[in-house]
């Protein structure tokens, strides 16, 4: 009787270790194959990004998401192979993900907006933009926030959700820009002469682009002046220097050619 019990015990123990050995072997195979597949997939993702012109921050973010997701799947498969019930784990991860997502909804919103910004590229580093209520030069673009340098040299960091959720104006994105200068002349001045003076100034300045052509027109008959609108096209780096030089040059030529720039005035009629 004792011998039979001993044989059964030995058989049970042997079977247990046999099954354990088989599971261990299978687990090691799963881990090895999973590791190789993860390496292959991550390399494929990296090679894909080498062929496209995405922002490096976006590429790194997506690569990390893919890698973490694949390792999570492999972990669940390994635990399931070892006989561990992963149903509760998966459900727990789902609940934890929901709670974490709700708690970090603002952060996740910034991350999602950052992905859209990096993918669609409404602006790039060193562009001058108006975005998220801030106007300045783009200094840095991240998956959570962007940094701008304002014209008065302030560093401003804006969450991506505030940028993507509002209109974005890129002043330098197209390489050239139309300038607009308004100048008033007196009603007694010769309009055609004034227009010719301005056109001559524009033709002599090499910073003014020939194409598209400049536009000099009479835009308004105001209370005290006839207002001219001057619209030359210029390359982005020359914009402000040309703006200031044209403003000064037009005033000097108008003074020289006797074109009056009037002060505000009002005619008063008295009745006896």
Protein backbone atom coordinates (compact mmCIF):
# COMPACT_ATOMS: atom_id res chain seq x y z
CA UNK A 1 0.00 0.00 0.00
CA UNK A 2 2.77 2.37 0.98
CA UNK A 3 4.65 1.44 -2.14
CA UNK A 4 1.62 2.29 -4.31
CA UNK A 5 1.22 5.70 -2.61
CA UNK A 6 4.90 6.43 -3.15
CA UNK A 7 4.66 5.53 -6.82
CA UNK A 8 1.61 7.77 -7.27
CA UNK A 9 3.37 10.63 -5.51
CA UNK A 10 6.47 10.18 -7.63
CA UNK A 11 4.33 10.04 -10.76
CA UNK A 12 2.47 13.22 -9.78
CA UNK A 13 5.66 15.10 -9.00
CA UNK A 14 7.27 13.89 -12.22
CA UNK A 15 4.20 14.93 -14.21
CA UNK A 16 4.14 18.32 -12.52
CA UNK A 17 7.77 19.05 -13.34
CA UNK A 18 7.27 17.67 -16.82
CA UNK A 19 4.36 20.04 -17.40
CA UNK A 20 6.30 22.86 -15.74
CA UNK A 21 9.26 22.19 -17.96
CA UNK A 22 7.07 22.21 -21.05
CA UNK A 23 5.44 25.48 -20.01
CA UNK A 24 8.82 27.01 -19.21
CA UNK A 25 10.19 25.93 -22.56
CA UNK A 26 7.13 27.28 -24.39
CA UNK A 27 7.33 30.53 -22.41
CA UNK A 28 10.97 31.01 -23.34
CA UNK A 29 10.12 30.34 -26.99
CA UNK A 30 7.26 32.88 -26.85
CA UNK A 31 9.50 35.48 -25.23
CA UNK A 32 12.27 34.89 -27.79
CA UNK A 33 9.91 35.00 -30.79
CA UNK A 34 8.09 38.02 -29.34
CA UNK A 35 11.38 39.85 -28.76
CA UNK A 36 12.45 39.20 -32.35
CA UNK A 37 9.07 40.33 -33.73
CA UNK A 38 9.16 43.51 -31.64
CA UNK A 39 12.64 44.29 -32.96
CA UNK A 40 11.52 43.68 -36.55
CA UNK A 41 8.37 45.81 -36.19
CA UNK A 42 10.17 48.72 -34.49
CA UNK A 43 12.84 48.66 -37.20
CA UNK A 44 10.15 48.70 -39.87
CA UNK A 45 8.55 51.73 -38.20
CA UNK A 46 11.94 53.47 -38.00
CA UNK A 47 12.66 52.74 -41.69
CA UNK A 48 9.22 54.08 -42.60
CA UNK A 49 9.99 57.36 -40.81
CA UNK A 50 13.32 57.55 -42.67
CA UNK A 51 11.36 57.71 -45.94
CA UNK A 52 8.91 60.42 -44.85
CA UNK A 53 9.44 63.98 -43.75
CA UNK A 54 7.86 63.92 -40.30
CA UNK A 55 9.12 65.90 -37.33
CA UNK A 56 11.58 63.88 -35.23
CA UNK A 57 9.62 64.52 -32.03
CA UNK A 58 6.51 62.99 -33.62
CA UNK A 59 8.51 60.00 -34.88
CA UNK A 60 9.97 59.33 -31.43
CA UNK A 61 6.56 59.62 -29.80
CA UNK A 62 4.95 57.11 -32.19
CA UNK A 63 7.91 54.71 -31.95
CA UNK A 64 7.66 54.68 -28.15
CA UNK A 65 3.89 54.09 -28.24
CA UNK A 66 4.33 51.15 -30.64
CA UNK A 67 7.13 49.63 -28.55
CA UNK A 68 5.24 49.88 -25.25
CA UNK A 69 2.08 48.46 -26.82
CA UNK A 70 3.93 45.46 -28.27
CA UNK A 71 5.65 44.65 -24.98
CA UNK A 72 2.31 44.86 -23.17
CA UNK A 73 0.76 42.37 -25.60
CA UNK A 74 3.74 40.02 -25.19
CA UNK A 75 3.46 40.18 -21.39
CA UNK A 76 -0.23 39.21 -21.50
CA UNK A 77 0.54 36.28 -23.84
CA UNK A 78 3.33 35.03 -21.56
CA UNK A 79 1.18 35.21 -18.43
CA UNK A 80 -1.65 33.41 -20.21
CA UNK A 81 0.72 30.64 -21.32
CA UNK A 82 1.86 30.17 -17.72
CA UNK A 83 -1.71 29.45 -16.76
CA UNK A 84 -2.39 32.79 -15.12
CA UNK A 85 -5.88 34.15 -15.68
CA UNK A 86 -5.28 37.48 -17.44
CA UNK A 87 -8.97 38.40 -17.76
CA UNK A 88 -8.89 40.36 -14.51
CA UNK A 89 -5.56 41.92 -15.49
CA UNK A 90 -6.88 43.09 -18.85
CA UNK A 91 -10.05 44.43 -17.23
CA UNK A 92 -8.00 46.11 -14.51
CA UNK A 93 -5.73 47.71 -17.10
CA UNK A 94 -8.80 48.94 -18.96
CA UNK A 95 -10.28 50.51 -15.83
CA UNK A 96 -6.91 51.95 -14.81
CA UNK A 97 -6.49 53.35 -18.31
CA UNK A 98 -9.92 54.98 -18.15
CA UNK A 99 -9.23 56.53 -14.74
CA UNK A 100 -5.77 57.65 -15.79
CA UNK A 101 -7.11 59.06 -19.04
CA UNK A 102 -9.78 61.04 -17.19
CA UNK A 103 -7.25 62.36 -14.68
CA UNK A 104 -4.80 63.31 -17.43
CA UNK A 105 -7.34 64.49 -19.99
CA UNK A 106 -5.70 67.92 -20.31
CA UNK A 107 -2.25 66.39 -20.74
CA UNK A 108 -3.55 63.83 -23.22
CA UNK A 109 -5.33 66.64 -25.07
CA UNK A 110 -2.02 68.47 -25.37
CA UNK A 111 -0.32 65.30 -26.60
CA UNK A 112 -3.02 64.68 -29.20
CA UNK A 113 -2.84 68.31 -30.36
CA UNK A 114 0.95 68.02 -30.49
CA UNK A 115 0.68 65.01 -32.80
CA UNK A 116 -1.65 66.98 -35.11
CA UNK A 117 0.71 69.97 -35.11
CA UNK A 118 3.78 67.86 -35.84
CA UNK A 119 1.94 65.92 -38.53
CA UNK A 120 0.22 68.81 -40.36
CA UNK A 121 3.08 71.31 -39.80
CA UNK A 122 1.23 74.65 -39.85
CA UNK A 123 4.57 76.18 -38.83
CA UNK A 124 8.17 75.19 -38.20
CA UNK A 125 11.11 76.38 -36.11
CA UNK A 126 12.03 80.06 -36.76
CA UNK A 127 8.67 80.88 -38.39
CA UNK A 128 6.97 84.07 -37.20
CA UNK A 129 3.42 83.17 -36.24
CA UNK A 130 0.32 84.19 -34.34
CA UNK A 131 -0.82 81.06 -32.50
CA UNK A 132 -2.54 80.36 -29.20
CA UNK A 133 -2.93 84.07 -28.52
CA UNK A 134 0.83 84.66 -28.81
CA UNK A 135 2.70 86.36 -31.66
CA UNK A 136 6.38 85.56 -32.04
CA UNK A 137 9.14 83.37 -33.49
CA UNK A 138 8.81 79.60 -32.98
CA UNK A 139 11.69 78.43 -30.80
CA UNK A 140 10.68 74.84 -30.00
CA UNK A 141 7.93 72.36 -30.90
CA UNK A 142 7.11 69.47 -28.58
CA UNK A 143 4.36 66.90 -28.23
CA UNK A 144 2.94 68.77 -25.21
CA UNK A 145 3.74 72.46 -25.78
CA UNK A 146 5.45 74.96 -28.09
CA UNK A 147 7.81 77.79 -27.14
CA UNK A 148 7.79 81.23 -28.77
CA UNK A 149 10.05 84.29 -28.57
CA UNK A 150 8.03 87.51 -28.74
CA UNK A 151 9.28 90.65 -30.55
CA UNK A 152 10.23 92.17 -27.18
CA UNK A 153 12.32 89.05 -26.37
CA UNK A 154 9.99 87.24 -23.99
CA UNK A 155 9.95 83.44 -23.86
CA UNK A 156 6.38 82.14 -23.90
CA UNK A 157 5.36 78.47 -23.62
CA UNK A 158 1.87 77.59 -24.89
CA UNK A 159 0.09 74.21 -24.46
CA UNK A 160 -0.57 72.53 -27.79
CA UNK A 161 -4.31 72.24 -27.16
CA UNK A 162 -4.53 76.05 -27.00
CA UNK A 163 -2.68 76.31 -30.33
CA UNK A 164 -4.51 73.60 -32.28
CA UNK A 165 -7.91 74.74 -31.00
CA UNK A 166 -7.59 78.26 -32.46
CA UNK A 167 -6.70 79.88 -35.82
CA UNK A 168 -2.98 79.87 -36.66
CA UNK A 169 -1.44 82.66 -38.74
CA UNK A 170 1.99 81.96 -40.21
CA UNK A 171 3.50 85.24 -41.43
CA UNK A 172 6.66 83.63 -42.86
CA UNK A 173 5.44 80.24 -44.07
CA UNK A 174 5.24 81.13 -47.78
CA UNK A 175 8.63 82.84 -48.18
CA UNK A 176 7.25 86.21 -49.30
CA UNK A 177 4.68 88.61 -48.00
CA UNK A 178 2.61 91.52 -49.22
CA UNK A 179 3.25 94.77 -47.39
CA UNK A 180 0.60 97.46 -46.96
CA UNK A 181 1.37 101.13 -46.28
CA UNK A 182 -1.32 103.79 -46.09
CA UNK A 183 -0.42 107.40 -46.84
CA UNK A 184 -2.77 110.39 -46.92
CA UNK A 185 -2.30 113.33 -49.30
CA UNK A 186 -4.21 116.60 -49.38
CA UNK A 187 -7.21 117.09 -51.63
CA UNK A 188 -5.32 119.83 -53.47
CA UNK A 189 -2.38 117.54 -54.36
CA UNK A 190 -2.09 115.83 -57.74
CA UNK A 191 -3.04 112.16 -57.22
CA UNK A 192 -1.41 110.87 -60.43
CA UNK A 193 1.83 112.65 -59.54
CA UNK A 194 1.80 111.12 -56.06
CA UNK A 195 1.21 107.64 -57.48
CA UNK A 196 4.11 108.08 -59.95
CA UNK A 197 6.45 109.19 -57.15
CA UNK A 198 5.66 106.08 -55.10
CA UNK A 199 5.99 103.77 -58.13
CA UNK A 200 9.42 105.25 -58.91
CA UNK A 201 10.53 104.60 -55.33
CA UNK A 202 9.36 100.99 -55.54
CA UNK A 203 11.09 100.40 -58.91
CA UNK A 204 14.44 101.68 -57.62
CA UNK A 205 14.45 99.45 -54.52
CA UNK A 206 15.78 95.98 -55.38
CA UNK A 207 14.12 94.46 -52.32
CA UNK A 208 10.69 95.01 -53.89
CA UNK A 209 9.72 91.89 -55.85
CA UNK A 210 8.72 92.25 -59.51
CA UNK A 211 6.35 89.29 -59.31
CA UNK A 212 3.71 89.65 -57.97
CA UNK A 213 3.54 93.25 -59.12
CA UNK A 214 3.23 96.10 -56.63
CA UNK A 215 -0.04 97.97 -56.31
CA UNK A 216 -0.38 101.72 -55.69
CA UNK A 217 -3.98 102.96 -55.66
CA UNK A 218 -6.28 105.57 -54.19
CA UNK A 219 -8.15 103.65 -51.53
CA UNK A 220 -10.26 106.18 -49.63
CA UNK A 221 -11.59 109.73 -49.71
CA UNK A 222 -11.33 110.50 -46.01
CA UNK A 223 -12.42 113.57 -44.02
CA UNK A 224 -9.07 115.33 -44.22
CA UNK A 225 -7.09 113.45 -46.85
CA UNK A 226 -7.06 111.31 -49.96
CA UNK A 227 -5.63 108.02 -48.72
CA UNK A 228 -3.25 106.03 -50.88
CA UNK A 229 -2.71 102.30 -50.40
CA UNK A 230 0.76 100.99 -51.28
CA UNK A 231 1.16 97.20 -51.58
CA UNK A 232 4.59 95.91 -52.60
CA UNK A 233 5.66 92.24 -52.28
CA UNK A 234 8.84 91.44 -50.38
CA UNK A 235 10.88 88.48 -49.15
CA UNK A 236 10.35 87.70 -45.48
CA UNK A 237 13.85 88.72 -44.23
CA UNK A 238 13.52 92.15 -45.89
CA UNK A 239 10.02 92.94 -44.66
CA UNK A 240 10.55 95.32 -41.74
CA UNK A 241 13.67 97.05 -43.09
CA UNK A 242 11.85 97.79 -46.34
CA UNK A 243 8.72 98.92 -44.48
CA UNK A 244 10.64 101.51 -42.47
CA UNK A 245 12.74 102.65 -45.45
CA UNK A 246 9.70 103.08 -47.71
CA UNK A 247 7.81 105.04 -45.07
CA UNK A 248 10.75 107.42 -44.65
CA UNK A 249 11.49 107.62 -48.40
CA UNK A 250 7.88 108.42 -49.35
CA UNK A 251 7.74 111.27 -46.84
CA UNK A 252 11.04 112.71 -48.11
CA UNK A 253 10.01 112.53 -51.79
CA UNK A 254 6.57 114.01 -51.11
CA UNK A 255 8.20 116.95 -49.32
CA UNK A 256 10.65 117.38 -52.20
CA UNK A 257 7.96 117.18 -54.92
CA UNK A 258 5.49 119.40 -53.02
CA UNK A 259 2.95 116.66 -52.29
CA UNK A 260 1.29 117.67 -49.06
CA UNK A 261 0.53 115.19 -46.29
CA UNK A 262 -2.22 117.05 -44.41
CA UNK A 263 -2.97 117.32 -40.73
CA UNK A 264 -6.49 116.47 -39.61
CA UNK A 265 -8.68 119.51 -40.22
CA UNK A 266 -12.30 120.50 -40.02
CA UNK A 267 -14.17 123.28 -41.81
CA UNK A 268 -16.48 125.28 -39.56
CA UNK A 269 -19.22 127.41 -41.13
CA UNK A 270 -20.68 130.24 -39.03
CA UNK A 271 -24.13 131.54 -39.74
CA UNK A 272 -25.12 135.04 -38.74
